[in-house]
Amino acid sequence: MDKPELIRTIRDAHQRMAGAIEHIPDERLLEPVMDGWTGKDLLAHIAWWHDHSVLVIEGLRAGRQPYDGTDPVNSTDAFNERTHREHMDDQPALTRRAFTESFTRLLAALEPVTDEELFADDRWPWLDGEALVETILWDSSRHYDAHRDHLEPLSR
């Protein structure tokens, strides 16, 4: 994979997800889909993870640690719970917009990133031997795959 293929992969996956979301009425986004989360909660969650990639990209490229990954408040579960709590009262229109705008921010953050910065396993010590591309894929296209089955029933 190279950078153009990465962008194509995440853009195509985002378009598929956006297409599915487009067919879900706002009132259905208020229905529970998993573990007490509604469809709009999942959109806010996915938007937050787009912005997570932006935070990581910009932090690493600026020569700083994006956040303290050893602090329990920065665990995946803590991020997810905090995001859910903070966006619980958001209206569906706001979470739809957040989903779209956060993806736009992710694409913009990727523009200056080089292939070496994306794909070298040893480029960013903060990532513990993982290439930056893995964070980006998990925060976007792979994340959509993980939640598509939760959202699809709302379009029926």
Protein backbone atom coordinates (compact mmCIF):
# COMPACT_ATOMS: atom_id res chain seq x y z
CA MET A 1 0.00 0.00 0.00
CA ASP A 2 1.16 3.54 -0.71
CA LYS A 3 -0.36 6.89 0.27
CA PRO A 4 -2.67 7.23 -2.78
CA GLU A 5 -4.00 3.72 -2.13
CA LEU A 6 -4.50 4.51 1.56
CA ILE A 7 -6.46 7.64 0.72
CA ARG A 8 -8.50 5.75 -1.88
CA THR A 9 -9.21 2.98 0.65
CA ILE A 10 -10.39 5.25 3.43
CA ARG A 11 -12.28 7.57 1.06
CA ASP A 12 -14.14 4.65 -0.57
CA ALA A 13 -14.98 3.18 2.84
CA HIS A 14 -16.16 6.57 4.08
CA GLN A 15 -18.35 7.05 1.01
CA ARG A 16 -19.96 3.64 1.58
CA MET A 17 -20.60 4.48 5.23
CA ALA A 18 -21.89 7.97 4.38
CA GLY A 19 -24.18 6.44 1.77
CA ALA A 20 -25.63 4.04 4.32
CA ILE A 21 -26.07 6.82 6.89
CA GLU A 22 -27.75 9.05 4.33
CA HIS A 23 -30.65 6.59 4.14
CA ILE A 24 -31.24 6.54 7.89
CA PRO A 25 -33.91 9.02 9.04
CA ASP A 26 -32.94 11.19 12.02
CA GLU A 27 -35.56 9.57 14.24
CA ARG A 28 -34.06 6.12 13.58
CA LEU A 29 -30.60 7.42 14.56
CA LEU A 30 -32.08 7.92 18.04
CA GLU A 31 -32.74 4.19 18.37
CA PRO A 32 -30.39 1.92 20.34
CA VAL A 33 -27.99 -0.08 18.19
CA MET A 34 -25.42 -1.53 20.62
CA ASP A 35 -24.73 -1.54 24.35
CA GLY A 36 -27.11 1.37 25.04
CA TRP A 37 -25.64 3.49 22.25
CA THR A 38 -27.88 4.96 19.57
CA GLY A 39 -27.06 5.34 15.90
CA LYS A 40 -26.16 9.00 16.40
CA ASP A 41 -23.93 8.02 19.35
CA LEU A 42 -22.03 5.74 16.96
CA LEU A 43 -21.64 8.58 14.45
CA ALA A 44 -20.22 10.85 17.16
CA HIS A 45 -17.92 8.00 18.22
CA ILE A 46 -16.61 7.46 14.69
CA ALA A 47 -16.14 11.21 14.23
CA TRP A 48 -14.11 11.33 17.44
CA TRP A 49 -11.80 8.58 16.14
CA HIS A 50 -11.27 10.47 12.88
CA ASP A 51 -10.11 13.37 15.03
CA HIS A 52 -7.96 10.99 17.05
CA SER A 53 -5.99 10.22 13.89
CA VAL A 54 -5.66 13.95 13.23
CA LEU A 55 -4.34 14.45 16.78
CA VAL A 56 -1.84 11.62 16.36
CA ILE A 57 -0.67 12.73 12.91
CA GLU A 58 -0.23 16.36 13.90
CA GLY A 59 1.38 15.56 17.25
CA LEU A 60 3.91 13.12 15.83
CA ARG A 61 4.80 15.36 12.90
CA ALA A 62 5.31 18.29 15.31
CA GLY A 63 7.77 16.17 17.31
CA ARG A 64 5.62 15.66 20.37
CA GLN A 65 3.78 12.83 22.02
CA PRO A 66 0.09 13.15 21.02
CA TYR A 67 -0.99 12.17 24.56
CA ASP A 68 0.20 9.98 27.41
CA GLY A 69 -0.81 6.52 26.25
CA THR A 70 0.12 5.02 29.61
CA ASP A 71 -2.46 7.13 31.49
CA PRO A 72 -5.66 5.10 32.05
CA VAL A 73 -7.78 8.15 31.11
CA ASN A 74 -6.30 7.74 27.62
CA SER A 75 -7.27 4.10 27.12
CA THR A 76 -9.55 3.15 24.24
CA ASP A 77 -12.39 2.33 26.64
CA ALA A 78 -11.96 5.63 28.48
CA PHE A 79 -11.95 7.57 25.20
CA ASN A 80 -15.09 5.76 24.06
CA GLU A 81 -16.94 6.28 27.34
CA ARG A 82 -15.98 9.95 27.54
CA THR A 83 -17.00 10.58 23.92
CA HIS A 84 -20.32 8.84 24.49
CA ARG A 85 -21.01 10.87 27.62
CA GLU A 86 -19.99 14.18 26.02
CA HIS A 87 -22.13 13.67 22.90
CA MET A 88 -25.11 11.88 24.40
CA ASP A 89 -27.39 14.92 23.96
CA ASP A 90 -26.21 15.85 20.45
CA GLN A 91 -28.91 15.90 17.79
CA PRO A 92 -28.60 13.57 14.75
CA ALA A 93 -27.93 16.48 12.40
CA LEU A 94 -24.94 17.51 14.50
CA THR A 95 -23.47 14.00 14.56
CA ARG A 96 -23.97 13.63 10.80
CA ARG A 97 -22.07 16.88 10.29
CA ALA A 98 -19.35 15.81 12.75
CA PHE A 99 -18.91 12.53 10.85
CA THR A 100 -18.40 14.40 7.58
CA GLU A 101 -16.31 17.28 8.89
CA SER A 102 -14.00 15.09 10.95
CA PHE A 103 -13.26 12.98 7.88
CA THR A 104 -12.44 16.14 5.95
CA ARG A 105 -10.01 17.08 8.74
CA LEU A 106 -8.42 13.61 8.52
CA LEU A 107 -7.86 13.95 4.77
CA ALA A 108 -6.35 17.42 5.29
CA ALA A 109 -4.03 16.09 8.01
CA LEU A 110 -2.85 13.36 5.63
CA GLU A 111 -1.91 15.76 2.82
CA PRO A 112 1.62 16.63 4.02
CA VAL A 113 2.42 13.17 5.41
CA THR A 114 5.09 11.24 3.50
CA ASP A 115 5.07 7.53 2.68
CA GLU A 116 7.96 7.05 5.09
CA GLU A 117 6.00 8.72 7.88
CA LEU A 118 2.95 6.56 7.12
CA PHE A 119 4.45 3.15 6.50
CA ALA A 120 7.74 2.80 8.40
CA ASP A 121 7.26 0.62 11.50
CA ASP A 122 10.13 2.32 13.30
CA ARG A 123 9.40 5.96 12.37
CA TRP A 124 7.41 6.92 15.47
CA PRO A 125 8.56 5.41 18.79
CA TRP A 126 5.29 6.56 20.39
CA LEU A 127 3.49 3.97 18.25
CA ASP A 128 5.54 1.11 19.76
CA GLY A 129 6.75 -0.36 16.47
CA GLU A 130 3.51 0.05 14.57
CA ALA A 131 3.26 2.11 11.40
CA LEU A 132 1.11 5.24 11.51
CA VAL A 133 -1.05 3.81 8.72
CA GLU A 134 -2.41 1.24 11.20
CA THR A 135 -3.80 3.96 13.48
CA ILE A 136 -5.38 5.70 10.51
CA LEU A 137 -6.97 2.53 9.16
CA TRP A 138 -8.32 1.53 12.59
CA ASP A 139 -9.71 5.03 13.11
CA SER A 140 -11.44 5.03 9.71
CA SER A 141 -12.12 2.20 7.24
CA ARG A 142 -11.63 -0.69 9.67
CA HIS A 143 -13.71 1.18 12.23
CA TYR A 144 -16.56 1.55 9.73
CA ASP A 145 -16.44 -2.20 9.14
CA ALA A 146 -16.70 -2.79 12.89
CA HIS A 147 -19.88 -0.69 13.15
CA ARG A 148 -21.62 -1.09 9.80
CA ASP A 149 -23.71 -4.01 11.07
CA HIS A 150 -24.91 -1.86 13.97
CA LEU A 151 -26.11 0.95 11.71
CA GLU A 152 -27.48 -0.92 8.68
CA PRO A 153 -30.70 -2.14 10.39
CA LEU A 154 -31.67 1.51 10.98
CA SER A 155 -32.02 2.07 7.23
CA ARG A 156 -34.74 -0.58 6.89
